[in-house]
């Protein structure tokens, strides 16, 4: 039996058990696949949906399936970003010492807290120090290739008046650097 056929059999089995357990006529319920082990049940009437959710679960072939109201948050991972870390970054251009540049370099794995205050006044421009929040320290790369563009790069600037619709900005030129990342 193919994987598709097994899935359809499972879906129809779930459909049938839901119909018999909640007492909803076949014509007033539709069940579709959602995630590998999840199904959507569409009810024609709110009272039927409420009755199914109130029941809480059904059992199909000895496996208990929870019945819950659908939520967009249902399959979202909610980690706690419990690690506040001090990072040393080498190779970040001085004009990129800001939150936007940090988000560009580490935005998916780190959440910006602040730039080390002493760094703003420091004469040593080789190392940039900041504080970030992380949920998994293992995700921190040792090096990241990043391109930094000067402010306004790739945009039409025509002074006080808005640019003409057919006006095109010159191609942006950025500086591509390997940023070394050290965890304190």
N, C-alpha and C. Protein backbone atom coordinates (compact mmCIF):
# COMPACT_ATOMS: atom_id res chain seq x y z
N UNK A 1 0.86 -1.17 0.00
CA UNK A 1 0.00 0.00 0.00
C UNK A 1 0.90 1.24 0.00
N UNK A 2 0.58 2.22 -0.83
CA UNK A 2 1.41 3.43 -0.93
C UNK A 2 1.21 4.32 0.30
N UNK A 3 2.15 5.24 0.48
CA UNK A 3 2.07 6.17 1.61
C UNK A 3 0.82 7.03 1.51
N UNK A 4 0.46 7.43 0.29
CA UNK A 4 -0.73 8.24 0.08
C UNK A 4 -1.98 7.46 0.49
N UNK A 5 -2.04 6.18 0.09
CA UNK A 5 -3.21 5.35 0.43
C UNK A 5 -3.31 5.16 1.94
N UNK A 6 -2.17 4.95 2.59
CA UNK A 6 -2.17 4.81 4.05
C UNK A 6 -2.69 6.09 4.71
N UNK A 7 -2.24 7.21 4.19
CA UNK A 7 -2.68 8.49 4.73
C UNK A 7 -4.18 8.67 4.54
N UNK A 8 -4.69 8.37 3.35
CA UNK A 8 -6.12 8.50 3.08
C UNK A 8 -6.94 7.58 3.98
N UNK A 9 -6.45 6.37 4.19
CA UNK A 9 -7.13 5.43 5.08
C UNK A 9 -7.19 5.99 6.49
N UNK A 10 -6.06 6.57 6.94
CA UNK A 10 -6.01 7.16 8.28
C UNK A 10 -6.98 8.35 8.37
N UNK A 11 -7.00 9.18 7.33
CA UNK A 11 -7.89 10.34 7.32
C UNK A 11 -9.36 9.91 7.36
N UNK A 12 -9.71 8.92 6.55
CA UNK A 12 -11.09 8.45 6.52
C UNK A 12 -11.48 7.78 7.83
N UNK A 13 -10.54 7.08 8.43
CA UNK A 13 -10.79 6.45 9.72
C UNK A 13 -11.06 7.52 10.77
N UNK A 14 -10.24 8.56 10.78
CA UNK A 14 -10.42 9.67 11.71
C UNK A 14 -11.77 10.33 11.47
N UNK A 15 -12.11 10.53 10.20
CA UNK A 15 -13.37 11.13 9.80
C UNK A 15 -14.54 10.31 10.36
N UNK A 16 -14.49 8.99 10.13
CA UNK A 16 -15.57 8.12 10.58
C UNK A 16 -15.72 8.10 12.09
N UNK A 17 -14.61 8.04 12.82
CA UNK A 17 -14.67 8.03 14.28
C UNK A 17 -15.21 9.35 14.79
N UNK A 18 -14.80 10.45 14.18
CA UNK A 18 -15.29 11.76 14.60
C UNK A 18 -16.80 11.86 14.39
N UNK A 19 -17.27 11.34 13.26
CA UNK A 19 -18.71 11.36 12.97
C UNK A 19 -19.47 10.56 14.02
N UNK A 20 -18.99 9.36 14.32
CA UNK A 20 -19.72 8.52 15.28
C UNK A 20 -19.57 9.02 16.71
N UNK A 21 -18.41 9.54 17.08
CA UNK A 21 -18.18 9.97 18.46
C UNK A 21 -18.96 11.24 18.80
N UNK A 22 -19.07 12.14 17.86
CA UNK A 22 -19.70 13.42 18.13
C UNK A 22 -21.14 13.45 17.62
N UNK A 23 -21.50 12.48 16.79
CA UNK A 23 -22.88 12.39 16.30
C UNK A 23 -23.21 13.44 15.25
N UNK A 24 -22.29 13.68 14.35
CA UNK A 24 -22.50 14.67 13.29
C UNK A 24 -22.74 13.92 11.98
N UNK A 25 -23.77 14.27 11.23
CA UNK A 25 -24.00 13.61 9.95
C UNK A 25 -22.82 13.81 8.99
N UNK A 26 -22.55 12.81 8.19
CA UNK A 26 -21.43 12.81 7.25
C UNK A 26 -21.42 14.04 6.34
N UNK A 27 -22.60 14.51 5.97
CA UNK A 27 -22.69 15.64 5.04
C UNK A 27 -22.37 16.98 5.69
N UNK A 28 -22.23 17.00 7.01
CA UNK A 28 -21.99 18.27 7.71
C UNK A 28 -20.58 18.36 8.29
N UNK A 29 -19.68 17.52 7.79
CA UNK A 29 -18.32 17.51 8.32
C UNK A 29 -17.34 17.18 7.20
N UNK A 30 -16.21 17.85 7.19
CA UNK A 30 -15.16 17.57 6.21
C UNK A 30 -13.83 17.52 6.96
N UNK A 31 -13.05 16.48 6.73
CA UNK A 31 -11.75 16.32 7.39
C UNK A 31 -10.66 16.34 6.33
N UNK A 32 -9.64 17.16 6.55
CA UNK A 32 -8.50 17.23 5.63
C UNK A 32 -7.20 17.11 6.41
N UNK A 33 -6.16 16.73 5.69
CA UNK A 33 -4.83 16.58 6.28
C UNK A 33 -4.21 17.95 6.49
N UNK A 34 -3.48 18.13 7.60
CA UNK A 34 -2.84 19.42 7.87
C UNK A 34 -1.33 19.25 8.01
N UNK A 35 -0.88 18.58 9.02
CA UNK A 35 0.53 18.26 9.24
C UNK A 35 0.63 16.73 9.25
N UNK A 36 1.84 16.17 9.30
CA UNK A 36 1.96 14.71 9.23
C UNK A 36 1.03 13.96 10.18
N UNK A 37 0.81 14.47 11.36
CA UNK A 37 -0.05 13.77 12.31
C UNK A 37 -1.26 14.60 12.73
N UNK A 38 -1.58 15.63 11.97
CA UNK A 38 -2.70 16.50 12.32
C UNK A 38 -3.72 16.54 11.19
N UNK A 39 -4.96 16.81 11.58
CA UNK A 39 -6.05 16.94 10.63
C UNK A 39 -6.84 18.18 10.95
N UNK A 40 -7.46 18.76 9.92
CA UNK A 40 -8.44 19.83 10.11
C UNK A 40 -9.80 19.21 9.95
N UNK A 41 -10.70 19.53 10.84
CA UNK A 41 -12.09 19.12 10.70
C UNK A 41 -12.90 20.40 10.51
N UNK A 42 -13.60 20.47 9.38
CA UNK A 42 -14.44 21.63 9.08
C UNK A 42 -15.87 21.27 9.41
N UNK A 43 -16.50 22.06 10.25
CA UNK A 43 -17.88 21.82 10.67
C UNK A 43 -18.78 22.84 10.00
N UNK A 44 -19.96 22.38 9.57
CA UNK A 44 -20.93 23.30 8.96
C UNK A 44 -21.57 24.21 10.00
N UNK A 45 -21.65 23.73 11.24
CA UNK A 45 -22.35 24.48 12.27
C UNK A 45 -21.47 24.65 13.51
N UNK A 46 -21.55 25.83 14.09
CA UNK A 46 -20.74 26.15 15.26
C UNK A 46 -21.06 25.23 16.43
N UNK A 47 -22.34 24.86 16.60
CA UNK A 47 -22.72 23.98 17.71
C UNK A 47 -22.00 22.63 17.61
N UNK A 48 -21.85 22.13 16.39
CA UNK A 48 -21.17 20.84 16.21
C UNK A 48 -19.69 20.96 16.55
N UNK A 49 -19.08 22.04 16.11
CA UNK A 49 -17.66 22.26 16.44
C UNK A 49 -17.48 22.36 17.95
N UNK A 50 -18.35 23.11 18.60
CA UNK A 50 -18.26 23.27 20.05
C UNK A 50 -18.41 21.93 20.75
N UNK A 51 -19.33 21.09 20.28
CA UNK A 51 -19.52 19.76 20.88
C UNK A 51 -18.28 18.90 20.71
N UNK A 52 -17.65 18.95 19.54
CA UNK A 52 -16.44 18.16 19.29
C UNK A 52 -15.29 18.63 20.17
N UNK A 53 -15.12 19.93 20.27
CA UNK A 53 -14.03 20.48 21.11
C UNK A 53 -14.30 20.16 22.57
N UNK A 54 -15.55 20.24 23.00
CA UNK A 54 -15.90 19.93 24.39
C UNK A 54 -15.58 18.47 24.71
N UNK A 55 -15.78 17.60 23.73
CA UNK A 55 -15.46 16.18 23.93
C UNK A 55 -13.97 16.02 24.23
N UNK A 56 -13.12 16.78 23.54
CA UNK A 56 -11.69 16.82 23.88
C UNK A 56 -10.79 15.86 23.14
N UNK A 57 -11.29 14.66 22.81
CA UNK A 57 -10.44 13.69 22.11
C UNK A 57 -11.32 12.58 21.53
N UNK A 58 -10.73 11.84 20.59
CA UNK A 58 -11.32 10.61 20.09
C UNK A 58 -10.20 9.57 20.02
N UNK A 59 -10.57 8.31 19.97
CA UNK A 59 -9.59 7.23 19.88
C UNK A 59 -9.78 6.52 18.54
N UNK A 60 -8.69 6.44 17.77
CA UNK A 60 -8.70 5.76 16.48
C UNK A 60 -7.65 4.66 16.53
N UNK A 61 -8.07 3.41 16.40
CA UNK A 61 -7.16 2.26 16.45
C UNK A 61 -6.24 2.30 17.66
N UNK A 62 -6.81 2.66 18.80
CA UNK A 62 -6.04 2.68 20.04
C UNK A 62 -5.18 3.92 20.24
N UNK A 63 -5.19 4.82 19.27
CA UNK A 63 -4.40 6.05 19.38
C UNK A 63 -5.34 7.20 19.73
N UNK A 64 -4.96 7.95 20.75
CA UNK A 64 -5.79 9.06 21.20
C UNK A 64 -5.43 10.33 20.41
N UNK A 65 -6.45 10.94 19.80
CA UNK A 65 -6.28 12.19 19.07
C UNK A 65 -6.99 13.30 19.85
N UNK A 66 -6.28 14.36 20.10
CA UNK A 66 -6.85 15.50 20.81
C UNK A 66 -7.66 16.34 19.83
N UNK A 67 -8.79 16.82 20.29
CA UNK A 67 -9.61 17.74 19.50
C UNK A 67 -9.47 19.10 20.15
N UNK A 68 -8.98 20.06 19.40
CA UNK A 68 -8.78 21.41 19.93
C UNK A 68 -9.14 22.42 18.85
N UNK A 69 -9.48 23.62 19.29
CA UNK A 69 -9.73 24.71 18.35
C UNK A 69 -8.43 24.99 17.61
N UNK A 70 -8.53 25.31 16.33
CA UNK A 70 -7.35 25.62 15.55
C UNK A 70 -6.76 26.94 16.00
N UNK A 71 -5.44 27.01 16.00
CA UNK A 71 -4.73 28.24 16.34
C UNK A 71 -3.51 28.34 15.44
N UNK A 72 -3.22 29.53 14.95
CA UNK A 72 -2.04 29.74 14.11
C UNK A 72 -0.77 29.45 14.90
N UNK A 73 -0.86 29.52 16.20
CA UNK A 73 0.28 29.31 17.09
C UNK A 73 0.53 27.84 17.41
N UNK A 74 -0.33 26.96 16.93
CA UNK A 74 -0.29 25.56 17.32
C UNK A 74 1.03 24.86 17.01
N UNK A 75 1.64 25.15 15.87
CA UNK A 75 2.85 24.45 15.46
C UNK A 75 4.09 25.35 15.53
N UNK A 76 4.01 26.36 16.36
CA UNK A 76 5.12 27.29 16.51
C UNK A 76 5.91 26.92 17.75
N UNK A 77 7.22 26.90 17.62
CA UNK A 77 8.10 26.62 18.75
C UNK A 77 8.28 27.91 19.54
N UNK A 78 8.17 27.85 20.86
CA UNK A 78 8.28 29.03 21.72
C UNK A 78 9.46 28.88 22.68
N UNK A 79 10.69 28.99 22.18
CA UNK A 79 11.82 28.84 23.10
C UNK A 79 11.99 30.09 23.96
N UNK A 80 12.55 29.90 25.13
CA UNK A 80 12.92 31.02 25.99
C UNK A 80 14.34 31.42 25.62
N UNK A 81 14.52 32.66 25.31
CA UNK A 81 15.85 33.16 24.95
C UNK A 81 16.56 33.50 26.25
N UNK A 82 16.99 32.47 26.96
CA UNK A 82 17.49 32.62 28.32
C UNK A 82 18.97 32.90 28.46
N UNK A 83 19.70 32.99 27.38
CA UNK A 83 21.14 33.23 27.47
C UNK A 83 21.44 34.67 27.07
N UNK A 84 21.90 35.45 28.01
CA UNK A 84 22.36 36.82 27.71
C UNK A 84 23.86 36.73 27.55
N UNK A 85 24.35 37.01 26.36
CA UNK A 85 25.76 36.77 26.06
C UNK A 85 26.45 38.06 25.61
N UNK A 86 27.72 38.09 25.88
CA UNK A 86 28.57 39.20 25.43
C UNK A 86 29.35 38.68 24.23
N UNK A 87 29.20 39.35 23.10
CA UNK A 87 29.85 38.92 21.88
C UNK A 87 30.90 39.93 21.45
N UNK A 88 32.02 39.40 20.97
CA UNK A 88 33.08 40.21 20.38
C UNK A 88 33.07 39.92 18.89
N UNK A 89 32.92 40.95 18.09
CA UNK A 89 32.89 40.77 16.64
C UNK A 89 34.07 41.50 16.02
N UNK A 90 34.84 40.76 15.24
CA UNK A 90 35.98 41.34 14.53
C UNK A 90 35.60 41.48 13.06
N UNK A 91 35.96 42.61 12.49
CA UNK A 91 35.73 42.82 11.06
C UNK A 91 34.50 43.63 10.74
N UNK A 92 33.72 44.02 11.76
CA UNK A 92 32.55 44.85 11.49
C UNK A 92 33.03 46.27 11.21
N UNK A 93 32.65 46.80 10.07
CA UNK A 93 33.05 48.16 9.71
C UNK A 93 32.44 49.15 10.71
N UNK A 94 33.19 50.18 11.04
CA UNK A 94 32.76 51.08 12.11
C UNK A 94 31.42 51.75 11.80
N UNK A 95 31.14 52.07 10.55
CA UNK A 95 29.84 52.68 10.24
C UNK A 95 28.69 51.69 10.41
N UNK A 96 29.01 50.41 10.59
CA UNK A 96 27.97 49.39 10.78
C UNK A 96 27.84 49.00 12.25
N UNK A 97 28.37 49.79 13.15
CA UNK A 97 28.24 49.50 14.57
C UNK A 97 26.87 49.99 15.05
N UNK A 98 25.85 49.26 14.70
CA UNK A 98 24.49 49.63 15.10
C UNK A 98 23.60 48.39 15.14
N UNK A 99 22.40 48.58 15.65
CA UNK A 99 21.45 47.47 15.81
C UNK A 99 21.10 46.82 14.47
N UNK A 100 20.89 47.61 13.44
CA UNK A 100 20.52 47.06 12.13
C UNK A 100 21.59 46.12 11.59
N UNK A 101 22.86 46.51 11.74
CA UNK A 101 23.96 45.66 11.26
C UNK A 101 24.02 44.37 12.07
N UNK A 102 23.81 44.47 13.38
CA UNK A 102 23.81 43.26 14.21
C UNK A 102 22.66 42.34 13.82
N UNK A 103 21.51 42.92 13.54
CA UNK A 103 20.37 42.10 13.09
C UNK A 103 20.70 41.42 11.77
N UNK A 104 21.42 42.11 10.90
CA UNK A 104 21.81 41.52 9.62
C UNK A 104 22.77 40.35 9.83
N UNK A 105 23.70 40.50 10.75
CA UNK A 105 24.70 39.45 10.98
C UNK A 105 24.13 38.28 11.76
N UNK A 106 23.40 38.56 12.84
CA UNK A 106 22.99 37.51 13.77
C UNK A 106 21.49 37.49 14.06
N UNK A 107 20.68 38.14 13.24
CA UNK A 107 19.27 38.32 13.53
C UNK A 107 18.45 37.08 13.77
N UNK A 108 18.75 35.97 13.10
CA UNK A 108 17.94 34.77 13.28
C UNK A 108 18.27 34.01 14.55
N UNK A 109 19.47 34.21 15.07
CA UNK A 109 19.88 33.42 16.23
C UNK A 109 20.11 34.25 17.48
N UNK A 110 20.16 35.57 17.33
CA UNK A 110 20.38 36.46 18.47
C UNK A 110 19.37 37.60 18.44
N UNK A 111 19.04 38.06 19.63
CA UNK A 111 18.16 39.21 19.78
C UNK A 111 18.97 40.32 20.42
N UNK A 112 19.01 41.48 19.80
CA UNK A 112 19.84 42.60 20.25
C UNK A 112 19.44 43.07 21.63
N UNK A 113 20.43 43.29 22.49
CA UNK A 113 20.21 43.89 23.80
C UNK A 113 20.80 45.30 23.79
N UNK A 114 22.13 45.38 23.66
CA UNK A 114 22.76 46.70 23.63
C UNK A 114 24.20 46.60 23.15
N UNK A 115 24.73 47.74 22.74
CA UNK A 115 26.13 47.84 22.37
C UNK A 115 26.90 48.21 23.63
N UNK A 116 28.03 47.57 23.83
CA UNK A 116 28.87 47.87 24.99
C UNK A 116 29.20 49.36 24.98
N UNK A 117 28.85 50.05 26.05
CA UNK A 117 28.98 51.51 26.08
C UNK A 117 30.41 51.98 25.89
N UNK A 118 31.36 51.26 26.47
CA UNK A 118 32.76 51.67 26.33
C UNK A 118 33.21 51.60 24.87
N UNK A 119 32.57 50.73 24.08
CA UNK A 119 32.97 50.56 22.68
C UNK A 119 32.66 51.81 21.85
N UNK A 120 31.60 52.50 22.21
CA UNK A 120 31.21 53.68 21.45
C UNK A 120 32.29 54.76 21.53
N UNK A 121 32.98 54.83 22.70
CA UNK A 121 34.01 55.84 22.89
C UNK A 121 35.41 55.28 22.67
N UNK A 122 35.53 54.00 22.38
CA UNK A 122 36.82 53.33 22.28
C UNK A 122 37.56 53.73 21.00
N UNK A 123 38.88 53.78 21.10
CA UNK A 123 39.71 54.10 19.94
C UNK A 123 40.04 52.84 19.13
N UNK A 124 39.92 51.65 19.77
CA UNK A 124 40.22 50.39 19.09
C UNK A 124 39.01 50.01 18.23
N UNK A 125 39.13 50.17 16.94
CA UNK A 125 38.00 49.89 16.06
C UNK A 125 38.06 48.49 15.45
N UNK A 126 38.99 47.67 15.92
CA UNK A 126 39.12 46.33 15.36
C UNK A 126 38.07 45.38 15.93
N UNK A 127 37.64 45.61 17.16
CA UNK A 127 36.70 44.70 17.82
C UNK A 127 35.47 45.48 18.28
N UNK A 128 34.33 44.93 17.97
CA UNK A 128 33.05 45.51 18.34
C UNK A 128 32.43 44.60 19.39
N UNK A 129 31.96 45.15 20.50
CA UNK A 129 31.42 44.35 21.60
C UNK A 129 29.95 44.72 21.81
N UNK A 130 29.12 43.69 21.95
CA UNK A 130 27.70 43.92 22.18
C UNK A 130 27.13 42.82 23.06
N UNK A 131 25.95 43.08 23.58
CA UNK A 131 25.21 42.10 24.38
C UNK A 131 24.00 41.65 23.56
N UNK A 132 23.79 40.35 23.54
CA UNK A 132 22.68 39.77 22.77
C UNK A 132 21.99 38.70 23.62
N UNK A 133 20.77 38.38 23.27
CA UNK A 133 20.03 37.27 23.87
C UNK A 133 20.02 36.12 22.87
N UNK A 134 20.16 34.89 23.39
CA UNK A 134 20.13 33.70 22.54
C UNK A 134 19.27 32.63 23.19
N UNK A 135 18.73 31.74 22.37
CA UNK A 135 17.99 30.60 22.92
C UNK A 135 18.80 29.32 22.81
N UNK A 136 19.82 29.32 21.95
CA UNK A 136 20.66 28.13 21.80
C UNK A 136 22.07 28.58 21.44
N UNK A 137 23.01 28.39 22.35
CA UNK A 137 24.39 28.84 22.13
C UNK A 137 25.07 28.07 21.00
N UNK A 138 24.62 26.86 20.73
CA UNK A 138 25.24 26.04 19.68
C UNK A 138 25.00 26.62 18.28
N UNK A 139 24.05 27.50 18.14
CA UNK A 139 23.75 28.08 16.83
C UNK A 139 24.68 29.23 16.45
N UNK A 140 25.47 29.71 17.40
CA UNK A 140 26.34 30.86 17.14
C UNK A 140 27.48 30.46 16.21
N UNK A 141 27.58 31.10 15.04
CA UNK A 141 28.67 30.76 14.13
C UNK A 141 29.98 31.39 14.61
N UNK A 142 31.09 30.82 14.17
CA UNK A 142 32.39 31.41 14.49
C UNK A 142 32.73 32.51 13.50
N UNK A 143 32.16 32.41 12.31
CA UNK A 143 32.42 33.41 11.28
C UNK A 143 31.17 33.56 10.41
N UNK A 144 30.94 34.78 9.94
CA UNK A 144 29.78 35.04 9.09
C UNK A 144 30.20 36.04 8.02
N UNK A 145 29.94 35.70 6.78
CA UNK A 145 30.22 36.60 5.66
C UNK A 145 29.05 37.58 5.55
N UNK A 146 29.34 38.86 5.64
CA UNK A 146 28.29 39.88 5.59
C UNK A 146 28.70 41.00 4.65
N UNK A 147 27.72 41.59 4.01
CA UNK A 147 27.95 42.74 3.14
C UNK A 147 27.30 43.95 3.79
N UNK A 148 28.08 45.01 3.91
CA UNK A 148 27.58 46.24 4.51
C UNK A 148 27.52 47.32 3.44
N UNK A 149 26.37 47.99 3.39
CA UNK A 149 26.15 49.05 2.42
C UNK A 149 26.11 50.39 3.15
N UNK A 150 26.66 51.43 2.54
CA UNK A 150 26.53 52.75 3.16
C UNK A 150 25.08 53.20 3.14
N UNK A 151 24.74 54.11 4.02
CA UNK A 151 23.38 54.62 4.13
C UNK A 151 22.92 55.18 2.79
N UNK A 152 21.76 54.77 2.34
CA UNK A 152 21.19 55.27 1.09
C UNK A 152 21.62 54.51 -0.15
N UNK A 153 22.46 53.50 -0.01
CA UNK A 153 22.92 52.74 -1.17
C UNK A 153 21.74 52.06 -1.85
N UNK A 154 21.71 52.12 -3.18
CA UNK A 154 20.66 51.47 -3.95
C UNK A 154 19.37 52.25 -4.04
N UNK A 155 19.35 53.48 -3.50
CA UNK A 155 18.14 54.31 -3.54
C UNK A 155 18.40 55.57 -4.35
N UNK A 156 17.36 56.05 -4.98
CA UNK A 156 17.46 57.29 -5.75
C UNK A 156 17.41 58.45 -4.77
N UNK A 157 18.36 59.34 -4.88
CA UNK A 157 18.34 60.55 -4.07
C UNK A 157 18.37 61.74 -5.02
N UNK A 158 17.28 62.48 -5.04
CA UNK A 158 17.21 63.62 -5.96
C UNK A 158 16.97 64.91 -5.21
N UNK A 159 17.44 64.97 -3.98
CA UNK A 159 17.31 66.20 -3.21
C UNK A 159 15.97 66.30 -2.51
N UNK A 160 15.35 67.48 -2.66
CA UNK A 160 14.12 67.77 -1.93
C UNK A 160 12.90 67.12 -2.57
N UNK A 161 12.86 67.08 -3.89
CA UNK A 161 11.69 66.53 -4.58
C UNK A 161 11.77 65.01 -4.67
N UNK A 162 10.63 64.34 -4.70
CA UNK A 162 10.65 62.88 -4.86
C UNK A 162 11.24 62.50 -6.21
N UNK A 163 11.85 61.33 -6.31
CA UNK A 163 12.44 60.92 -7.58
C UNK A 163 11.37 60.66 -8.64
N UNK A 164 11.75 60.82 -9.89
CA UNK A 164 10.85 60.52 -11.00
C UNK A 164 10.60 59.01 -11.04
N UNK A 165 9.41 58.58 -11.48
CA UNK A 165 9.09 57.15 -11.49
C UNK A 165 10.06 56.30 -12.30
N UNK A 166 10.61 56.86 -13.38
CA UNK A 166 11.51 56.07 -14.22
C UNK A 166 12.98 56.23 -13.84
N UNK A 167 13.24 56.99 -12.79
CA UNK A 167 14.62 57.20 -12.34
C UNK A 167 15.10 55.97 -11.58
N UNK A 168 16.29 55.51 -11.92
CA UNK A 168 16.84 54.30 -11.30
C UNK A 168 18.13 54.67 -10.59
N UNK A 169 18.29 54.15 -9.41
CA UNK A 169 19.50 54.40 -8.62
C UNK A 169 20.67 53.65 -9.23
N UNK A 170 21.88 54.15 -9.01
CA UNK A 170 23.05 53.38 -9.46
C UNK A 170 23.15 52.09 -8.65
N UNK A 171 23.75 51.05 -9.21
CA UNK A 171 23.88 49.79 -8.47
C UNK A 171 24.62 50.02 -7.15
N UNK A 172 24.12 49.45 -6.07
CA UNK A 172 24.77 49.66 -4.78
C UNK A 172 26.11 48.92 -4.71
N UNK A 173 27.04 49.53 -4.04
CA UNK A 173 28.33 48.89 -3.80
C UNK A 173 28.49 48.73 -2.30
N UNK A 174 28.67 47.52 -1.88
CA UNK A 174 28.85 47.24 -0.46
C UNK A 174 30.24 46.70 -0.19
N UNK A 175 30.54 46.56 1.06
CA UNK A 175 31.82 45.99 1.46
C UNK A 175 31.55 44.65 2.11
N UNK A 176 32.06 43.61 1.49
CA UNK A 176 31.85 42.25 1.96
C UNK A 176 33.02 41.87 2.88
N UNK A 177 32.68 41.49 4.11
CA UNK A 177 33.72 41.15 5.09
C UNK A 177 33.36 39.86 5.81
N UNK A 178 34.38 39.14 6.24
CA UNK A 178 34.18 37.99 7.12
C UNK A 178 34.20 38.51 8.54
N UNK A 179 33.10 38.37 9.24
CA UNK A 179 33.01 38.81 10.62
C UNK A 179 33.32 37.61 11.51
N UNK A 180 34.34 37.75 12.35
CA UNK A 180 34.68 36.70 13.31
C UNK A 180 33.88 36.97 14.58
N UNK A 181 33.28 35.92 15.13
CA UNK A 181 32.39 36.07 16.28
C UNK A 181 32.95 35.27 17.45
N UNK A 182 33.15 35.96 18.57
CA UNK A 182 33.68 35.32 19.78
C UNK A 182 32.66 35.48 20.90
N UNK A 183 32.45 34.42 21.63
CA UNK A 183 31.54 34.42 22.78
C UNK A 183 32.35 34.60 24.04
N UNK A 184 31.98 35.58 24.87
CA UNK A 184 32.70 35.84 26.12
C UNK A 184 32.24 34.86 27.18
